[in-house]
N, C-alpha and C. Protein backbone atom coordinates (compact mmCIF):
# COMPACT_ATOMS: atom_id res chain seq x y z
N MET A 1 90.28 166.21 53.07
CA MET A 1 90.89 166.86 54.41
C MET A 1 91.43 168.26 53.74
N TYR A 2 91.29 169.18 54.72
CA TYR A 2 91.87 170.43 54.21
C TYR A 2 93.41 170.42 54.48
N GLN A 3 94.08 171.32 53.39
CA GLN A 3 95.36 171.50 53.41
C GLN A 3 95.83 172.83 53.12
N HIS A 4 96.61 173.65 53.95
CA HIS A 4 97.11 174.85 53.70
C HIS A 4 97.70 175.23 52.43
N GLN A 5 97.31 176.12 51.54
CA GLN A 5 97.80 176.37 50.12
C GLN A 5 98.24 177.82 50.07
N TRP A 6 99.41 178.07 49.37
CA TRP A 6 99.81 179.53 49.20
C TRP A 6 99.06 179.86 47.98
N VAL A 7 98.84 181.26 47.68
CA VAL A 7 98.14 181.85 46.66
C VAL A 7 98.53 181.40 45.42
N SER A 8 99.93 181.00 45.29
CA SER A 8 100.42 180.46 44.04
C SER A 8 99.97 179.15 43.47
N GLY A 9 99.20 178.53 44.53
CA GLY A 9 98.63 177.09 44.25
C GLY A 9 99.45 176.03 44.83
N GLU A 10 100.62 176.27 45.17
CA GLU A 10 101.44 175.25 45.93
C GLU A 10 100.93 174.88 47.42
N SER A 11 101.07 173.58 47.69
CA SER A 11 100.75 173.19 49.14
C SER A 11 101.79 173.88 50.09
N ILE A 12 101.31 174.21 51.22
CA ILE A 12 102.20 174.61 52.46
C ILE A 12 102.39 173.24 53.18
N LEU A 13 103.73 173.11 53.37
CA LEU A 13 104.06 171.80 54.12
C LEU A 13 103.94 172.01 55.63
N LEU A 14 102.67 172.33 56.00
CA LEU A 14 102.48 172.44 57.50
C LEU A 14 100.94 171.66 57.71
N PRO A 15 100.91 170.85 58.75
CA PRO A 15 99.61 170.23 59.10
C PRO A 15 98.71 171.27 59.57
N MET A 16 97.49 171.02 59.18
CA MET A 16 96.48 171.92 59.83
C MET A 16 96.26 171.40 61.38
N GLY A 17 96.48 172.46 62.20
CA GLY A 17 96.25 172.14 63.69
C GLY A 17 94.94 172.77 64.11
N LYS A 18 95.02 173.35 65.24
CA LYS A 18 93.85 173.90 65.73
C LYS A 18 93.66 175.49 65.21
N ALA A 19 92.55 175.93 65.40
CA ALA A 19 92.21 177.30 64.91
C ALA A 19 91.72 178.17 66.30
N VAL A 20 92.52 178.90 66.72
CA VAL A 20 92.17 179.78 67.98
C VAL A 20 91.60 181.07 67.56
N CYS A 21 90.32 181.31 67.80
CA CYS A 21 89.41 182.48 67.46
C CYS A 21 89.14 183.36 68.53
N VAL A 22 89.07 184.55 68.22
CA VAL A 22 88.59 185.67 69.28
C VAL A 22 87.19 186.32 68.80
N GLY A 23 86.42 186.34 69.93
CA GLY A 23 85.00 186.82 69.71
C GLY A 23 85.13 188.29 70.13
N ARG A 24 84.18 189.02 69.44
CA ARG A 24 84.01 190.60 69.91
C ARG A 24 85.31 191.37 69.91
N ASN A 25 86.11 191.18 68.97
CA ASN A 25 87.29 191.92 68.90
C ASN A 25 87.17 193.41 68.18
N TYR A 26 85.96 193.61 67.87
CA TYR A 26 85.69 195.05 67.05
C TYR A 26 84.27 195.49 67.88
N ALA A 27 84.56 196.58 68.64
CA ALA A 27 83.48 197.11 69.33
C ALA A 27 82.07 197.13 68.41
N ASP A 28 82.02 197.76 67.22
CA ASP A 28 80.83 197.72 66.55
C ASP A 28 80.11 196.39 66.14
N HIS A 29 80.98 195.35 66.15
CA HIS A 29 80.26 194.13 65.95
C HIS A 29 79.83 193.63 67.18
N ALA A 30 80.24 193.79 68.32
CA ALA A 30 79.69 193.55 69.63
C ALA A 30 78.53 194.20 69.84
N LYS A 31 78.27 195.55 69.53
CA LYS A 31 77.15 196.29 69.65
C LYS A 31 76.13 195.79 68.79
N GLU A 32 76.34 195.35 67.51
CA GLU A 32 75.31 194.96 66.49
C GLU A 32 74.62 193.88 67.00
N LEU A 33 75.27 192.92 67.70
CA LEU A 33 74.79 191.80 68.25
C LEU A 33 74.11 191.87 69.84
N GLY A 34 74.09 193.19 70.33
CA GLY A 34 73.72 193.43 71.73
C GLY A 34 74.67 192.76 72.84
N ASN A 35 75.75 192.45 72.41
CA ASN A 35 76.80 192.15 73.44
C ASN A 35 77.74 193.24 74.00
N ALA A 36 78.10 192.86 75.22
CA ALA A 36 79.02 193.83 75.90
C ALA A 36 80.21 193.76 75.35
N VAL A 37 81.11 194.86 75.24
CA VAL A 37 82.39 194.90 74.84
C VAL A 37 83.21 194.24 76.01
N PRO A 38 84.10 193.28 75.49
CA PRO A 38 85.01 192.54 76.47
C PRO A 38 86.05 193.57 76.98
N GLU A 39 86.55 193.02 78.29
CA GLU A 39 87.62 193.80 78.86
C GLU A 39 88.89 192.83 78.59
N SER A 40 88.79 191.74 78.03
CA SER A 40 89.86 190.82 77.74
C SER A 40 89.55 190.05 76.50
N PRO A 41 90.44 189.46 75.86
CA PRO A 41 89.98 188.62 74.65
C PRO A 41 89.08 187.35 75.23
N LEU A 42 87.97 187.34 74.07
CA LEU A 42 87.15 186.19 74.33
C LEU A 42 87.62 185.05 73.32
N LEU A 43 88.13 183.97 73.88
CA LEU A 43 88.92 182.92 72.92
C LEU A 43 88.03 181.68 72.98
N PHE A 44 87.93 180.97 71.93
CA PHE A 44 87.32 179.80 71.47
C PHE A 44 88.19 179.11 70.43
N ILE A 45 88.01 177.78 70.49
CA ILE A 45 88.81 177.18 69.50
C ILE A 45 88.07 176.24 68.59
N LYS A 46 88.30 176.21 67.28
CA LYS A 46 87.89 175.36 66.21
C LYS A 46 88.69 174.32 65.91
N PRO A 47 88.45 172.99 65.85
CA PRO A 47 89.23 171.89 65.56
C PRO A 47 89.69 171.72 64.17
N ALA A 48 90.61 171.09 63.63
CA ALA A 48 91.06 170.84 62.21
C ALA A 48 89.92 170.41 61.38
N SER A 49 89.07 169.58 61.99
CA SER A 49 87.87 169.11 61.26
C SER A 49 86.97 170.11 60.75
N ALA A 50 87.03 171.39 61.35
CA ALA A 50 86.08 172.36 60.97
C ALA A 50 86.67 173.21 59.66
N CYS A 51 87.79 172.89 59.32
CA CYS A 51 88.43 173.71 58.30
C CYS A 51 87.98 173.11 56.83
N VAL A 52 87.75 174.01 56.03
CA VAL A 52 87.68 173.67 54.43
C VAL A 52 88.16 174.67 53.59
N THR A 53 88.40 174.44 52.29
CA THR A 53 89.02 175.43 51.49
C THR A 53 87.98 176.58 51.16
N LEU A 54 88.36 177.83 51.09
CA LEU A 54 87.47 178.95 50.82
C LEU A 54 87.58 178.85 49.32
N GLY A 55 86.74 178.25 48.60
CA GLY A 55 86.94 178.24 47.16
C GLY A 55 85.94 179.00 46.13
N GLU A 56 85.67 178.67 44.98
CA GLU A 56 84.89 179.52 44.18
C GLU A 56 83.32 179.12 44.60
N SER A 57 83.18 178.16 45.26
CA SER A 57 81.74 177.87 45.82
C SER A 57 81.95 177.67 47.11
N ILE A 58 80.71 177.85 47.97
CA ILE A 58 80.54 177.58 49.29
C ILE A 58 79.34 176.66 49.43
N SER A 59 79.54 175.45 50.01
CA SER A 59 78.30 174.72 50.50
C SER A 59 78.10 174.94 51.89
N LEU A 60 76.79 175.28 52.20
CA LEU A 60 76.34 175.38 53.51
C LEU A 60 76.23 174.17 54.19
N PRO A 61 76.99 173.94 55.39
CA PRO A 61 76.83 172.44 55.95
C PRO A 61 75.50 172.56 56.85
N ARG A 62 74.97 173.67 57.00
CA ARG A 62 73.69 173.98 57.87
C ARG A 62 72.85 174.89 57.26
N PRO A 63 71.45 174.86 57.48
CA PRO A 63 70.56 175.72 56.74
C PRO A 63 70.37 177.20 57.13
N ASN A 64 71.01 177.47 58.47
CA ASN A 64 70.70 178.82 58.95
C ASN A 64 72.06 179.33 59.50
N LEU A 65 73.09 179.85 58.59
CA LEU A 65 74.31 180.08 59.03
C LEU A 65 74.66 181.55 58.81
N HIS A 66 75.28 182.31 59.61
CA HIS A 66 75.67 183.71 59.48
C HIS A 66 77.29 183.62 59.19
N PHE A 67 77.56 184.65 58.37
CA PHE A 67 79.03 184.76 58.00
C PHE A 67 79.63 185.74 58.84
N GLU A 68 81.18 185.46 59.20
CA GLU A 68 81.83 186.56 59.93
C GLU A 68 83.09 186.53 59.17
N THR A 69 83.50 187.49 58.54
CA THR A 69 84.59 187.45 57.60
C THR A 69 85.78 188.07 58.60
N GLU A 70 86.94 187.26 58.75
CA GLU A 70 87.93 187.57 59.45
C GLU A 70 89.38 187.44 58.82
N LEU A 71 90.30 188.33 59.37
CA LEU A 71 91.62 188.18 59.01
C LEU A 71 92.21 186.93 59.75
N ALA A 72 92.91 185.90 59.19
CA ALA A 72 93.51 184.88 59.66
C ALA A 72 94.94 184.86 59.52
N LEU A 73 95.63 184.40 60.57
CA LEU A 73 96.95 184.41 60.57
C LEU A 73 97.58 182.87 60.63
N LEU A 74 98.47 182.52 59.84
CA LEU A 74 99.03 181.18 59.69
C LEU A 74 100.33 181.17 60.62
N ILE A 75 100.53 180.46 61.68
CA ILE A 75 101.68 180.24 62.43
C ILE A 75 102.59 179.28 61.96
N GLY A 76 103.70 179.85 61.79
CA GLY A 76 104.78 179.05 61.06
C GLY A 76 105.96 178.56 61.87
N ALA A 77 105.97 179.18 63.20
CA ALA A 77 106.89 178.61 64.29
C ALA A 77 106.27 178.55 65.70
N GLN A 78 106.78 177.77 66.49
CA GLN A 78 106.13 177.50 67.78
C GLN A 78 106.02 178.85 68.60
N LEU A 79 105.15 179.14 69.17
CA LEU A 79 104.99 180.25 70.01
C LEU A 79 104.27 179.87 71.45
N SER A 80 105.14 180.18 72.33
CA SER A 80 104.58 179.77 73.78
C SER A 80 104.68 181.03 74.76
N ALA A 81 104.11 180.73 75.99
CA ALA A 81 104.24 181.84 77.00
C ALA A 81 105.61 182.17 77.25
N GLU A 82 106.53 181.26 77.35
CA GLU A 82 108.04 181.45 77.68
C GLU A 82 108.72 182.34 76.53
N HIS A 83 108.08 182.13 75.34
CA HIS A 83 108.91 182.93 74.15
C HIS A 83 107.92 183.52 73.28
N SER A 84 107.51 184.64 74.05
CA SER A 84 106.42 185.45 73.31
C SER A 84 106.90 186.95 73.14
N GLU A 85 108.07 187.28 73.21
CA GLU A 85 108.58 188.57 73.31
C GLU A 85 108.38 189.25 72.01
N ASN A 86 108.34 188.46 70.80
CA ASN A 86 108.14 189.21 69.57
C ASN A 86 107.15 188.03 68.71
N PRO A 87 105.79 188.20 69.29
CA PRO A 87 104.91 187.28 68.77
C PRO A 87 104.64 187.17 67.14
N MET A 88 104.86 188.46 66.59
CA MET A 88 104.60 188.48 65.18
C MET A 88 105.67 187.85 64.32
N ALA A 89 106.89 187.35 64.70
CA ALA A 89 107.92 186.67 64.33
C ALA A 89 107.43 185.20 64.00
N ALA A 90 106.27 184.76 64.64
CA ALA A 90 105.87 183.36 64.36
C ALA A 90 104.69 183.29 63.31
N VAL A 91 104.25 184.51 62.75
CA VAL A 91 103.27 184.58 61.83
C VAL A 91 103.93 184.58 60.53
N THR A 92 103.65 183.64 59.62
CA THR A 92 104.35 183.28 58.37
C THR A 92 103.24 183.72 57.12
N ALA A 93 102.04 183.81 57.40
CA ALA A 93 101.14 184.06 56.22
C ALA A 93 99.81 184.65 56.62
N VAL A 94 99.08 185.12 55.83
CA VAL A 94 97.85 185.84 56.19
C VAL A 94 96.72 185.42 55.03
N THR A 95 95.51 185.40 55.40
CA THR A 95 94.46 185.10 54.62
C THR A 95 93.04 185.70 54.98
N LEU A 96 91.96 185.61 54.40
CA LEU A 96 90.69 185.88 54.92
C LEU A 96 89.84 184.40 55.17
N ALA A 97 89.18 184.49 56.14
CA ALA A 97 88.45 183.19 56.57
C ALA A 97 87.08 183.60 56.93
N LEU A 98 86.14 182.66 56.84
CA LEU A 98 84.70 182.91 57.25
C LEU A 98 84.50 181.95 58.57
N ASP A 99 84.11 182.66 59.61
CA ASP A 99 83.85 182.02 60.84
C ASP A 99 82.29 181.79 60.77
N LEU A 100 81.87 180.62 60.22
CA LEU A 100 80.46 180.33 59.90
C LEU A 100 79.85 180.01 61.39
N THR A 101 78.61 180.53 61.56
CA THR A 101 77.93 180.45 63.06
C THR A 101 76.58 180.23 62.82
N ASP A 102 76.21 179.07 63.53
CA ASP A 102 74.77 178.80 63.49
C ASP A 102 74.26 179.83 64.65
N ARG A 103 73.71 180.87 64.17
CA ARG A 103 73.36 182.05 65.05
C ARG A 103 72.12 181.54 65.95
N THR A 104 71.29 180.83 65.45
CA THR A 104 70.10 180.32 66.42
C THR A 104 70.80 179.54 67.57
N GLN A 105 71.46 178.49 67.11
CA GLN A 105 71.94 177.66 68.19
C GLN A 105 72.86 178.51 69.22
N GLN A 106 73.74 179.27 68.71
CA GLN A 106 74.62 179.85 69.45
C GLN A 106 73.79 180.62 70.70
N ASP A 107 72.64 181.44 70.15
CA ASP A 107 72.00 182.21 71.02
C ASP A 107 71.29 181.33 72.09
N GLU A 108 70.97 180.10 71.72
CA GLU A 108 70.30 179.20 72.66
C GLU A 108 71.37 178.76 73.80
N LEU A 109 72.64 178.61 73.20
CA LEU A 109 73.70 177.94 74.10
C LEU A 109 73.97 179.00 75.11
N LYS A 110 74.10 180.39 74.65
CA LYS A 110 74.40 181.38 75.46
C LYS A 110 73.41 181.63 76.56
N LYS A 111 72.18 181.64 76.27
CA LYS A 111 71.21 181.74 77.12
C LYS A 111 71.26 180.83 78.20
N LYS A 112 71.76 179.52 77.91
CA LYS A 112 71.87 178.39 79.04
C LYS A 112 73.35 178.49 79.62
N GLY A 113 74.24 179.39 79.18
CA GLY A 113 75.51 179.44 79.77
C GLY A 113 76.31 178.31 79.37
N HIS A 114 76.04 177.80 78.19
CA HIS A 114 76.82 176.65 77.68
C HIS A 114 78.02 177.15 76.70
N PRO A 115 79.07 176.42 76.41
CA PRO A 115 79.96 176.65 75.40
C PRO A 115 79.44 176.88 73.95
N TRP A 116 80.17 177.44 73.13
CA TRP A 116 79.63 177.84 71.76
C TRP A 116 79.99 176.73 70.83
N GLU A 117 80.80 175.77 70.94
CA GLU A 117 81.38 175.02 69.97
C GLU A 117 80.30 174.37 69.11
N ARG A 118 79.35 173.82 69.60
CA ARG A 118 78.24 173.29 68.65
C ARG A 118 77.73 174.14 67.65
N ALA A 119 77.73 175.45 67.92
CA ALA A 119 77.25 176.54 67.06
C ALA A 119 78.53 177.14 66.18
N LYS A 120 79.81 176.74 66.36
CA LYS A 120 80.86 177.36 65.53
C LYS A 120 82.07 176.35 65.35
N ALA A 121 81.92 175.14 65.74
CA ALA A 121 83.14 174.27 65.38
C ALA A 121 82.72 173.03 64.81
N PHE A 122 81.70 173.09 64.27
CA PHE A 122 81.07 171.84 63.46
C PHE A 122 81.88 171.69 62.08
N ASP A 123 81.58 170.66 61.49
CA ASP A 123 82.35 170.40 60.34
C ASP A 123 82.04 171.22 59.20
N GLY A 124 83.16 171.88 58.59
CA GLY A 124 82.80 172.93 57.42
C GLY A 124 82.64 174.26 58.07
N ALA A 125 82.85 174.52 59.35
CA ALA A 125 82.58 175.90 59.99
C ALA A 125 83.66 176.80 59.77
N LEU A 126 84.77 176.53 59.10
CA LEU A 126 85.85 177.49 58.89
C LEU A 126 86.36 177.37 57.55
N PRO A 127 85.78 177.91 56.50
CA PRO A 127 86.42 178.07 55.35
C PRO A 127 87.68 178.92 55.32
N LEU A 128 88.74 178.60 54.77
CA LEU A 128 90.12 179.38 54.83
C LEU A 128 90.39 179.69 53.33
N GLY A 129 90.80 180.69 53.12
CA GLY A 129 91.33 181.32 51.79
C GLY A 129 92.89 180.68 51.61
N ALA A 130 93.25 181.15 50.37
CA ALA A 130 94.64 180.73 50.09
C ALA A 130 95.64 181.71 50.75
N TRP A 131 96.74 181.32 51.31
CA TRP A 131 97.52 182.00 52.13
C TRP A 131 98.52 182.98 51.52
N LEU A 132 98.70 184.20 51.86
CA LEU A 132 99.50 185.31 51.34
C LEU A 132 100.77 185.32 52.33
N PRO A 133 101.85 185.26 51.79
CA PRO A 133 103.10 185.38 52.67
C PRO A 133 103.21 186.67 53.44
N VAL A 134 103.38 186.76 54.72
CA VAL A 134 103.19 187.94 55.41
C VAL A 134 104.14 188.90 54.84
N ASN A 135 105.33 188.73 54.32
CA ASN A 135 106.05 189.92 53.72
C ASN A 135 105.55 190.60 52.51
N GLN A 136 104.39 189.95 52.09
CA GLN A 136 103.66 190.65 50.95
C GLN A 136 102.59 191.68 51.59
N MET A 137 102.41 191.41 52.91
CA MET A 137 101.38 192.58 53.44
C MET A 137 102.02 193.94 53.55
N PRO A 138 101.13 194.90 53.78
CA PRO A 138 101.78 196.37 54.19
C PRO A 138 102.71 196.32 55.27
N GLU A 139 103.71 197.12 55.16
CA GLU A 139 104.90 197.10 56.11
C GLU A 139 104.31 197.37 57.44
N ASN A 140 103.34 198.39 57.62
CA ASN A 140 102.86 198.70 58.82
C ASN A 140 101.73 198.04 59.21
N LEU A 141 101.71 197.36 60.29
CA LEU A 141 100.56 196.57 60.84
C LEU A 141 99.33 197.27 60.87
N SER A 142 99.49 198.59 61.22
CA SER A 142 98.35 199.42 61.37
C SER A 142 97.56 199.70 60.09
N ASP A 143 98.18 199.38 58.97
CA ASP A 143 97.57 199.58 57.61
C ASP A 143 96.97 198.32 57.13
N TRP A 144 96.88 197.04 57.85
CA TRP A 144 96.29 195.88 57.30
C TRP A 144 94.83 196.18 57.42
N GLY A 145 94.10 195.70 56.40
CA GLY A 145 92.73 195.75 56.35
C GLY A 145 92.04 194.85 55.29
N TYR A 146 90.88 194.80 55.30
CA TYR A 146 90.21 193.77 54.31
C TYR A 146 88.70 194.22 54.23
N THR A 147 88.08 193.69 53.03
CA THR A 147 86.76 194.06 52.78
C THR A 147 85.99 192.71 52.19
N LEU A 148 84.75 192.64 52.54
CA LEU A 148 83.78 191.89 51.95
C LEU A 148 82.77 192.55 51.25
N GLU A 149 82.49 192.25 50.02
CA GLU A 149 81.36 192.73 49.23
C GLU A 149 80.37 191.48 49.03
N LEU A 150 78.86 191.94 49.46
CA LEU A 150 77.93 190.82 49.24
C LEU A 150 76.83 191.23 48.06
N ASN A 151 77.04 190.40 47.13
CA ASN A 151 76.23 190.54 46.02
C ASN A 151 76.36 192.13 45.37
N GLY A 152 77.74 192.39 45.29
CA GLY A 152 78.19 193.68 44.73
C GLY A 152 78.03 194.89 45.64
N LYS A 153 77.75 194.94 46.80
CA LYS A 153 77.64 195.93 47.64
C LYS A 153 78.42 195.94 48.91
N PRO A 154 79.21 196.88 49.41
CA PRO A 154 80.07 196.63 50.47
C PRO A 154 79.22 196.13 51.63
N GLN A 155 79.87 195.25 52.48
CA GLN A 155 79.28 194.46 53.59
C GLN A 155 79.94 194.48 54.73
N GLN A 156 81.28 194.25 54.72
CA GLN A 156 82.34 194.25 55.86
C GLN A 156 83.44 195.02 55.64
N HIS A 157 84.04 195.77 56.58
CA HIS A 157 85.39 196.33 56.34
C HIS A 157 86.13 196.36 57.78
N GLY A 158 87.04 195.54 57.82
CA GLY A 158 87.87 195.43 58.79
C GLY A 158 89.24 195.97 58.76
N ARG A 159 89.73 196.55 59.76
CA ARG A 159 91.19 197.20 59.81
C ARG A 159 91.60 196.90 61.13
N VAL A 160 92.85 196.48 61.04
CA VAL A 160 93.66 196.15 62.54
C VAL A 160 93.61 197.25 63.53
N GLU A 161 93.83 198.52 62.88
CA GLU A 161 93.75 199.58 63.82
C GLU A 161 92.45 199.72 64.66
N ASN A 162 91.33 199.04 64.29
CA ASN A 162 90.17 199.21 64.93
C ASN A 162 89.84 198.07 65.90
N MET A 163 90.82 197.24 65.90
CA MET A 163 90.56 196.08 66.89
C MET A 163 90.82 196.45 68.31
N LEU A 164 89.98 195.84 69.11
CA LEU A 164 90.15 196.02 70.42
C LEU A 164 91.35 195.63 71.15
N PHE A 165 91.83 194.38 70.55
CA PHE A 165 93.18 193.98 71.11
C PHE A 165 93.88 193.77 69.85
N SER A 166 95.15 194.31 69.77
CA SER A 166 96.11 194.21 68.81
C SER A 166 96.51 192.91 68.42
N ILE A 167 96.99 192.49 67.18
CA ILE A 167 97.41 191.14 66.85
C ILE A 167 98.55 190.77 67.90
N PRO A 168 99.57 191.53 68.11
CA PRO A 168 100.59 191.12 68.93
C PRO A 168 100.01 190.72 70.44
N ASP A 169 99.30 191.66 70.93
CA ASP A 169 98.77 191.44 72.18
C ASP A 169 97.73 190.09 72.25
N LEU A 170 97.07 190.07 71.19
CA LEU A 170 96.23 188.95 71.15
C LEU A 170 97.03 187.63 71.12
N LEU A 171 98.06 187.54 70.38
CA LEU A 171 98.85 186.32 70.32
C LEU A 171 99.62 186.00 71.62
N ALA A 172 100.04 187.09 72.31
CA ALA A 172 100.68 186.95 73.70
C ALA A 172 99.74 186.47 74.62
N GLU A 173 98.41 186.88 74.45
CA GLU A 173 97.29 186.52 75.35
C GLU A 173 96.78 185.01 75.12
N ILE A 174 96.85 184.63 73.76
CA ILE A 174 96.46 183.33 73.64
C ILE A 174 97.45 182.15 74.28
N VAL A 175 98.86 182.63 74.00
CA VAL A 175 99.80 181.57 74.45
C VAL A 175 99.84 181.53 75.87
N LYS A 176 99.40 182.40 76.57
CA LYS A 176 99.19 181.99 78.00
C LYS A 176 98.56 180.91 78.39
N ASP A 177 97.51 180.49 77.50
CA ASP A 177 96.76 179.19 77.76
C ASP A 177 97.01 178.13 76.72
N PHE A 178 97.17 178.45 75.59
CA PHE A 178 97.25 177.60 74.48
C PHE A 178 98.60 177.86 73.49
N ARG A 179 99.54 176.92 73.74
CA ARG A 179 100.79 176.99 72.92
C ARG A 179 100.45 176.81 71.34
N LEU A 180 100.84 177.79 70.56
CA LEU A 180 100.65 177.67 69.15
C LEU A 180 101.81 176.92 68.38
N GLU A 181 101.58 176.02 67.53
CA GLU A 181 102.31 175.29 66.84
C GLU A 181 102.22 175.52 65.34
N PRO A 182 103.34 175.26 64.58
CA PRO A 182 103.35 175.41 63.27
C PRO A 182 102.14 174.73 62.65
N GLY A 183 101.47 175.54 61.75
CA GLY A 183 100.21 174.82 61.12
C GLY A 183 98.83 175.54 61.73
N ASP A 184 99.00 175.88 63.03
CA ASP A 184 97.83 176.58 63.61
C ASP A 184 97.49 177.71 62.86
N VAL A 185 96.10 178.23 63.24
CA VAL A 185 95.62 179.29 62.63
C VAL A 185 95.02 180.20 63.69
N VAL A 186 95.06 181.49 63.57
CA VAL A 186 94.64 182.35 64.70
C VAL A 186 93.69 183.28 63.89
N LEU A 187 92.24 183.38 64.19
CA LEU A 187 91.32 184.31 63.52
C LEU A 187 91.22 185.50 64.72
N THR A 188 91.26 186.59 64.02
CA THR A 188 91.38 187.80 64.74
C THR A 188 90.08 188.62 65.03
N GLY A 189 88.94 188.11 64.55
CA GLY A 189 87.70 188.77 65.00
C GLY A 189 87.09 189.43 63.70
N THR A 190 85.83 189.59 63.80
CA THR A 190 85.05 190.30 62.86
C THR A 190 84.39 191.48 63.09
N PRO A 191 84.45 192.40 62.08
CA PRO A 191 83.87 193.72 62.25
C PRO A 191 82.28 193.70 62.02
N ALA A 192 81.66 194.75 62.16
CA ALA A 192 80.15 194.94 61.96
C ALA A 192 79.76 194.44 60.55
N GLY A 193 78.50 194.14 60.40
CA GLY A 193 78.04 193.72 59.02
C GLY A 193 77.86 192.23 58.72
N VAL A 194 77.93 191.34 60.05
CA VAL A 194 77.66 189.99 59.73
C VAL A 194 76.31 189.82 59.38
N GLY A 195 75.90 188.69 58.79
CA GLY A 195 74.68 188.39 58.35
C GLY A 195 74.40 186.89 57.87
N LYS A 196 73.31 186.74 57.45
CA LYS A 196 72.86 185.17 57.05
C LYS A 196 73.19 185.11 55.72
N LEU A 197 73.75 183.87 55.38
CA LEU A 197 74.17 183.33 53.97
C LEU A 197 72.82 182.65 53.35
N ALA A 198 72.79 182.99 51.95
CA ALA A 198 71.73 182.30 51.34
C ALA A 198 72.14 181.74 50.12
N SER A 199 71.52 180.64 49.46
CA SER A 199 71.92 180.19 48.24
C SER A 199 71.86 181.24 47.14
N GLY A 200 73.01 181.26 46.43
CA GLY A 200 72.89 182.37 45.30
C GLY A 200 73.85 183.61 45.65
N ASP A 201 74.11 183.86 46.94
CA ASP A 201 74.90 184.90 47.23
C ASP A 201 76.42 184.88 46.72
N LYS A 202 76.83 186.07 46.21
CA LYS A 202 78.01 186.06 45.75
C LYS A 202 79.00 186.89 46.75
N LEU A 203 80.05 186.42 47.14
CA LEU A 203 80.91 186.88 48.07
C LEU A 203 82.28 187.37 47.36
N GLU A 204 82.68 188.64 47.67
CA GLU A 204 83.92 189.11 47.09
C GLU A 204 84.88 189.61 48.16
N PHE A 205 85.88 189.02 48.40
CA PHE A 205 86.94 189.25 49.41
C PHE A 205 88.19 190.01 48.89
N ALA A 206 88.70 190.88 49.76
CA ALA A 206 89.98 191.52 49.34
C ALA A 206 90.85 191.86 50.46
N ILE A 207 92.15 191.81 50.52
CA ILE A 207 92.97 192.23 51.59
C ILE A 207 93.49 193.69 50.98
N GLU A 208 93.35 194.76 51.68
CA GLU A 208 93.85 195.95 51.23
C GLU A 208 95.28 196.06 51.17
N GLY A 209 95.74 196.95 50.10
CA GLY A 209 97.30 197.06 50.14
C GLY A 209 98.03 195.86 49.58
N THR A 210 97.09 194.79 48.84
CA THR A 210 97.80 193.74 48.35
C THR A 210 97.01 193.45 46.97
N GLU A 211 97.34 192.41 46.16
CA GLU A 211 96.66 191.80 45.09
C GLU A 211 95.72 190.65 45.42
N TRP A 212 95.62 190.33 46.71
CA TRP A 212 94.81 189.35 47.11
C TRP A 212 93.39 189.61 46.86
N LYS A 213 92.56 188.72 46.27
CA LYS A 213 91.23 188.83 46.02
C LYS A 213 90.59 187.37 45.83
N GLN A 214 89.40 187.30 46.15
CA GLN A 214 88.71 186.00 45.97
C GLN A 214 87.36 186.11 45.99
N SER A 215 86.66 185.53 45.00
CA SER A 215 85.14 185.52 44.88
C SER A 215 84.52 184.07 45.12
N SER A 216 83.58 183.92 45.79
CA SER A 216 82.92 182.65 46.07
C SER A 216 81.39 182.99 45.92
N LEU A 217 80.77 181.71 45.51
CA LEU A 217 79.31 181.69 45.30
C LEU A 217 78.74 180.55 46.23
N VAL A 218 77.56 181.16 46.82
CA VAL A 218 76.98 180.36 47.81
C VAL A 218 76.06 179.29 47.19
N GLU A 219 76.23 177.88 47.15
CA GLU A 219 75.54 177.11 46.62
C GLU A 219 74.03 176.71 47.23
């Protein structure tokens, strides 16, 4: 069972709750998949059972999966619609995550007008990295960014300033419908550059402006 963990290796004494995810929060990603740019956040949920540790190796739970690298937020205090004046105060840590997507199944579900959960919320669909305390991130939120290199080449580059919906606005929008509890995770969307994972791929992740780095090999 997945357990939140600090970059120091110590366990975080919070249960894994739900993961609230946002789709198409970068205009370039929406366009690369031929999707319309949304006028409001497109939200969906992954259950705790989807979460696994983003370790040195990644086992693919399905044969045809696409990676979507995302900045993830760990909620450390309850956040609700009634108490959302300063939503960033509820964020206790940051990491990178993979929103694994069965793209073939997702496309079929979208054509039928069905929900996406079977393509995005299956067991193992959310590898989460070790958590970096939020006070170790750059002071200005607009300076937050991250990168993914695939087999030694730049693949994805996300920056908060390029998001369609800012992190505070996104949190405030989420809690209109879903109260966030300590241990919940929020995924903030993926930039352009998503693609299919293959056995032998080497993924190198980094959070800009920090010492947080991680490498994973696809088995």
